[in-house]
N, C-alpha and C. Protein backbone atom coordinates (compact mmCIF):
# COMPACT_ATOMS: atom_id res chain seq x y z
N UNK A 1 0.83 -1.17 0.00
CA UNK A 1 0.00 0.00 0.00
C UNK A 1 0.88 1.24 0.00
N UNK A 2 0.39 2.30 -0.61
CA UNK A 2 1.22 3.51 -0.66
C UNK A 2 0.68 4.57 0.28
N UNK A 3 1.60 5.30 0.86
CA UNK A 3 1.22 6.41 1.72
C UNK A 3 1.12 7.67 0.89
N UNK A 4 0.23 8.55 1.29
CA UNK A 4 0.18 9.85 0.64
C UNK A 4 1.14 10.78 1.35
N UNK A 5 1.40 11.92 0.79
CA UNK A 5 2.40 12.83 1.34
C UNK A 5 1.90 13.56 2.58
N UNK A 6 0.60 13.56 2.86
CA UNK A 6 0.08 14.31 4.00
C UNK A 6 -0.11 13.39 5.20
N UNK A 7 0.74 13.53 6.15
CA UNK A 7 0.86 12.84 7.42
C UNK A 7 -0.09 11.73 7.77
N UNK A 8 0.29 10.52 7.49
CA UNK A 8 -0.40 9.37 8.03
C UNK A 8 -1.67 8.94 7.34
N UNK A 9 -1.99 9.48 6.21
CA UNK A 9 -3.18 9.01 5.48
C UNK A 9 -2.76 7.91 4.54
N UNK A 10 -3.66 6.94 4.38
CA UNK A 10 -3.34 5.79 3.54
C UNK A 10 -4.51 5.53 2.59
N UNK A 11 -4.20 5.25 1.33
CA UNK A 11 -5.22 4.96 0.33
C UNK A 11 -5.70 3.53 0.52
N UNK A 12 -7.00 3.37 0.53
CA UNK A 12 -7.60 2.04 0.63
C UNK A 12 -7.92 1.59 -0.80
N UNK A 13 -6.98 0.88 -1.42
CA UNK A 13 -7.10 0.53 -2.83
C UNK A 13 -8.29 -0.36 -3.13
N UNK A 14 -8.68 -1.22 -2.23
CA UNK A 14 -9.84 -2.08 -2.47
C UNK A 14 -11.11 -1.25 -2.63
N UNK A 15 -11.27 -0.22 -1.80
CA UNK A 15 -12.44 0.65 -1.93
C UNK A 15 -12.40 1.47 -3.21
N UNK A 16 -11.21 1.96 -3.56
CA UNK A 16 -11.07 2.74 -4.80
C UNK A 16 -11.43 1.88 -6.00
N UNK A 17 -10.90 0.66 -6.05
CA UNK A 17 -11.20 -0.23 -7.17
C UNK A 17 -12.67 -0.63 -7.22
N UNK A 18 -13.28 -0.82 -6.07
CA UNK A 18 -14.71 -1.16 -6.03
C UNK A 18 -15.55 -0.03 -6.63
N UNK A 19 -15.29 1.20 -6.20
CA UNK A 19 -16.06 2.34 -6.68
C UNK A 19 -15.79 2.59 -8.17
N UNK A 20 -14.54 2.49 -8.60
CA UNK A 20 -14.21 2.71 -10.01
C UNK A 20 -14.87 1.63 -10.88
N UNK A 21 -14.83 0.39 -10.45
CA UNK A 21 -15.45 -0.68 -11.22
C UNK A 21 -16.96 -0.49 -11.34
N UNK A 22 -17.59 -0.13 -10.23
CA UNK A 22 -19.03 0.12 -10.27
C UNK A 22 -19.35 1.33 -11.15
N UNK A 23 -18.51 2.36 -11.08
CA UNK A 23 -18.73 3.56 -11.89
C UNK A 23 -18.62 3.24 -13.38
N UNK A 24 -17.69 2.38 -13.76
CA UNK A 24 -17.55 2.00 -15.16
C UNK A 24 -18.80 1.27 -15.64
N UNK A 25 -19.26 0.33 -14.85
CA UNK A 25 -20.47 -0.42 -15.21
C UNK A 25 -21.69 0.49 -15.32
N UNK A 26 -21.89 1.31 -14.32
CA UNK A 26 -23.06 2.19 -14.30
C UNK A 26 -22.98 3.25 -15.39
N UNK A 27 -21.78 3.78 -15.65
CA UNK A 27 -21.66 4.80 -16.69
C UNK A 27 -21.96 4.24 -18.07
N UNK A 28 -21.59 2.99 -18.31
CA UNK A 28 -21.92 2.37 -19.60
C UNK A 28 -23.43 2.33 -19.79
N UNK A 29 -24.14 2.00 -18.73
CA UNK A 29 -25.60 1.95 -18.82
C UNK A 29 -26.20 3.35 -18.94
N UNK A 30 -25.70 4.29 -18.13
CA UNK A 30 -26.25 5.65 -18.12
C UNK A 30 -26.03 6.34 -19.46
N UNK A 31 -24.80 6.26 -19.99
CA UNK A 31 -24.52 6.97 -21.24
C UNK A 31 -25.13 6.25 -22.45
N UNK A 32 -25.24 4.94 -22.38
CA UNK A 32 -25.95 4.21 -23.43
C UNK A 32 -27.42 4.61 -23.47
N UNK A 33 -28.02 4.72 -22.29
CA UNK A 33 -29.42 5.16 -22.22
C UNK A 33 -29.57 6.61 -22.67
N UNK A 34 -28.57 7.44 -22.39
CA UNK A 34 -28.63 8.84 -22.82
C UNK A 34 -28.64 8.95 -24.33
N UNK A 35 -27.78 8.21 -24.99
CA UNK A 35 -27.74 8.28 -26.45
C UNK A 35 -28.99 7.66 -27.08
N UNK A 36 -29.43 6.52 -26.55
CA UNK A 36 -30.63 5.89 -27.09
C UNK A 36 -31.86 6.75 -26.79
N UNK A 37 -31.92 7.32 -25.59
CA UNK A 37 -33.05 8.17 -25.23
C UNK A 37 -33.11 9.43 -26.06
N UNK A 38 -31.95 10.04 -26.33
CA UNK A 38 -31.92 11.23 -27.18
C UNK A 38 -32.42 10.93 -28.57
N UNK A 39 -32.00 9.79 -29.11
CA UNK A 39 -32.47 9.38 -30.44
C UNK A 39 -33.98 9.14 -30.42
N UNK A 40 -34.47 8.43 -29.40
CA UNK A 40 -35.89 8.08 -29.33
C UNK A 40 -36.78 9.32 -29.17
N UNK A 41 -36.40 10.21 -28.27
CA UNK A 41 -37.23 11.41 -28.02
C UNK A 41 -37.24 12.31 -29.25
N UNK A 42 -36.08 12.53 -29.86
CA UNK A 42 -36.01 13.40 -31.04
C UNK A 42 -36.81 12.81 -32.20
N UNK A 43 -36.75 11.50 -32.38
CA UNK A 43 -37.52 10.89 -33.46
C UNK A 43 -39.01 10.85 -33.15
N UNK A 44 -39.36 10.72 -31.88
CA UNK A 44 -40.77 10.70 -31.51
C UNK A 44 -41.43 12.03 -31.86
N UNK A 45 -40.70 13.13 -31.64
CA UNK A 45 -41.25 14.46 -31.94
C UNK A 45 -40.81 14.99 -33.29
N UNK A 46 -40.14 14.16 -34.10
CA UNK A 46 -39.72 14.49 -35.46
C UNK A 46 -38.86 15.77 -35.51
N UNK A 47 -37.80 15.80 -34.68
CA UNK A 47 -36.90 16.95 -34.64
C UNK A 47 -35.73 16.83 -35.61
N UNK A 48 -35.57 15.71 -36.25
CA UNK A 48 -34.50 15.53 -37.22
C UNK A 48 -33.15 15.24 -36.57
N UNK A 49 -32.13 15.24 -37.40
CA UNK A 49 -30.78 14.89 -36.95
C UNK A 49 -30.23 15.87 -35.92
N UNK A 50 -30.46 17.16 -36.14
CA UNK A 50 -29.97 18.15 -35.17
C UNK A 50 -30.65 17.97 -33.82
N UNK A 51 -31.93 17.67 -33.85
CA UNK A 51 -32.66 17.43 -32.60
C UNK A 51 -32.13 16.22 -31.85
N UNK A 52 -31.74 15.19 -32.61
CA UNK A 52 -31.15 14.00 -31.98
C UNK A 52 -29.90 14.39 -31.21
N UNK A 53 -29.04 15.18 -31.84
CA UNK A 53 -27.79 15.59 -31.19
C UNK A 53 -28.04 16.47 -29.98
N UNK A 54 -29.02 17.35 -30.07
CA UNK A 54 -29.35 18.23 -28.94
C UNK A 54 -29.85 17.40 -27.76
N UNK A 55 -30.78 16.49 -28.00
CA UNK A 55 -31.30 15.67 -26.92
C UNK A 55 -30.23 14.74 -26.35
N UNK A 56 -29.37 14.20 -27.20
CA UNK A 56 -28.29 13.37 -26.70
C UNK A 56 -27.35 14.18 -25.81
N UNK A 57 -27.07 15.41 -26.19
CA UNK A 57 -26.20 16.26 -25.36
C UNK A 57 -26.86 16.58 -24.02
N UNK A 58 -28.15 16.84 -24.04
CA UNK A 58 -28.87 17.13 -22.79
C UNK A 58 -28.85 15.90 -21.88
N UNK A 59 -29.17 14.74 -22.45
CA UNK A 59 -29.18 13.52 -21.64
C UNK A 59 -27.78 13.12 -21.20
N UNK A 60 -26.77 13.40 -22.03
CA UNK A 60 -25.39 13.13 -21.66
C UNK A 60 -24.98 13.99 -20.46
N UNK A 61 -25.36 15.26 -20.46
CA UNK A 61 -25.09 16.15 -19.33
C UNK A 61 -25.78 15.65 -18.06
N UNK A 62 -27.01 15.18 -18.21
CA UNK A 62 -27.70 14.58 -17.06
C UNK A 62 -26.96 13.34 -16.57
N UNK A 63 -26.43 12.55 -17.50
CA UNK A 63 -25.66 11.37 -17.14
C UNK A 63 -24.40 11.72 -16.36
N UNK A 64 -23.74 12.80 -16.75
CA UNK A 64 -22.56 13.24 -16.01
C UNK A 64 -22.94 13.62 -14.59
N UNK A 65 -24.06 14.32 -14.43
CA UNK A 65 -24.53 14.69 -13.09
C UNK A 65 -24.84 13.45 -12.26
N UNK A 66 -25.44 12.44 -12.88
CA UNK A 66 -25.74 11.19 -12.18
C UNK A 66 -24.45 10.51 -11.74
N UNK A 67 -23.45 10.48 -12.61
CA UNK A 67 -22.19 9.81 -12.27
C UNK A 67 -21.43 10.55 -11.17
N UNK A 68 -21.46 11.87 -11.19
CA UNK A 68 -20.82 12.65 -10.12
C UNK A 68 -21.50 12.36 -8.80
N UNK A 69 -22.82 12.34 -8.79
CA UNK A 69 -23.56 12.04 -7.56
C UNK A 69 -23.26 10.62 -7.09
N UNK A 70 -23.16 9.67 -8.02
CA UNK A 70 -22.87 8.29 -7.63
C UNK A 70 -21.51 8.18 -6.96
N UNK A 71 -20.49 8.79 -7.57
CA UNK A 71 -19.13 8.67 -7.01
C UNK A 71 -19.05 9.38 -5.66
N UNK A 72 -19.69 10.52 -5.52
CA UNK A 72 -19.68 11.21 -4.23
C UNK A 72 -20.34 10.36 -3.15
N UNK A 73 -21.48 9.78 -3.46
CA UNK A 73 -22.17 8.93 -2.48
C UNK A 73 -21.38 7.66 -2.20
N UNK A 74 -20.78 7.09 -3.22
CA UNK A 74 -19.99 5.87 -3.03
C UNK A 74 -18.78 6.13 -2.15
N UNK A 75 -18.18 7.31 -2.29
CA UNK A 75 -17.02 7.64 -1.45
C UNK A 75 -17.41 7.75 0.02
N UNK A 76 -18.63 8.14 0.30
CA UNK A 76 -19.05 8.22 1.70
C UNK A 76 -19.28 6.83 2.28
N UNK A 77 -19.67 5.88 1.45
CA UNK A 77 -19.88 4.51 1.91
C UNK A 77 -18.56 3.74 1.93
N UNK A 78 -17.76 3.92 0.90
CA UNK A 78 -16.45 3.24 0.76
C UNK A 78 -15.37 4.32 0.74
N UNK A 79 -14.90 4.77 1.89
CA UNK A 79 -13.90 5.86 1.91
C UNK A 79 -12.62 5.48 1.19
N UNK A 80 -12.03 6.45 0.50
CA UNK A 80 -10.83 6.21 -0.30
C UNK A 80 -9.55 6.29 0.53
N UNK A 81 -9.58 7.03 1.62
CA UNK A 81 -8.39 7.17 2.46
C UNK A 81 -8.75 6.93 3.92
N UNK A 82 -7.75 6.55 4.68
CA UNK A 82 -7.92 6.36 6.12
C UNK A 82 -6.70 6.92 6.83
N UNK A 83 -6.89 7.30 8.05
CA UNK A 83 -5.76 7.75 8.86
C UNK A 83 -5.19 6.54 9.58
N UNK A 84 -3.91 6.54 9.78
CA UNK A 84 -3.28 5.42 10.50
C UNK A 84 -3.45 5.53 11.95
C-alpha cells in the first residue's frame, strides 16, 4: 500500500477499485441510455438529426450529473483514504 504525502493518510485501494469498477459499469448503462433516449425522443417528436444531437447532449449532461452524484455517495460509503 502507498502512503500519501500528507501525514499518516493511507489509500484504501480495495475501496477505490470497487467504486471505479461500479462507476464503469453504471456509466456504460447511463450513457448508453442517454444516447438511445436522445435518439428516441427526437424521433418521436420528429426533430431531425440536429434534434437528436441536442437531446443526446442534454441527456449526456444529465448522465454526467448522475455519475458525479454516484461517485460522491460511493465515497461516503467506501472511503478512499484512512488515517493510520
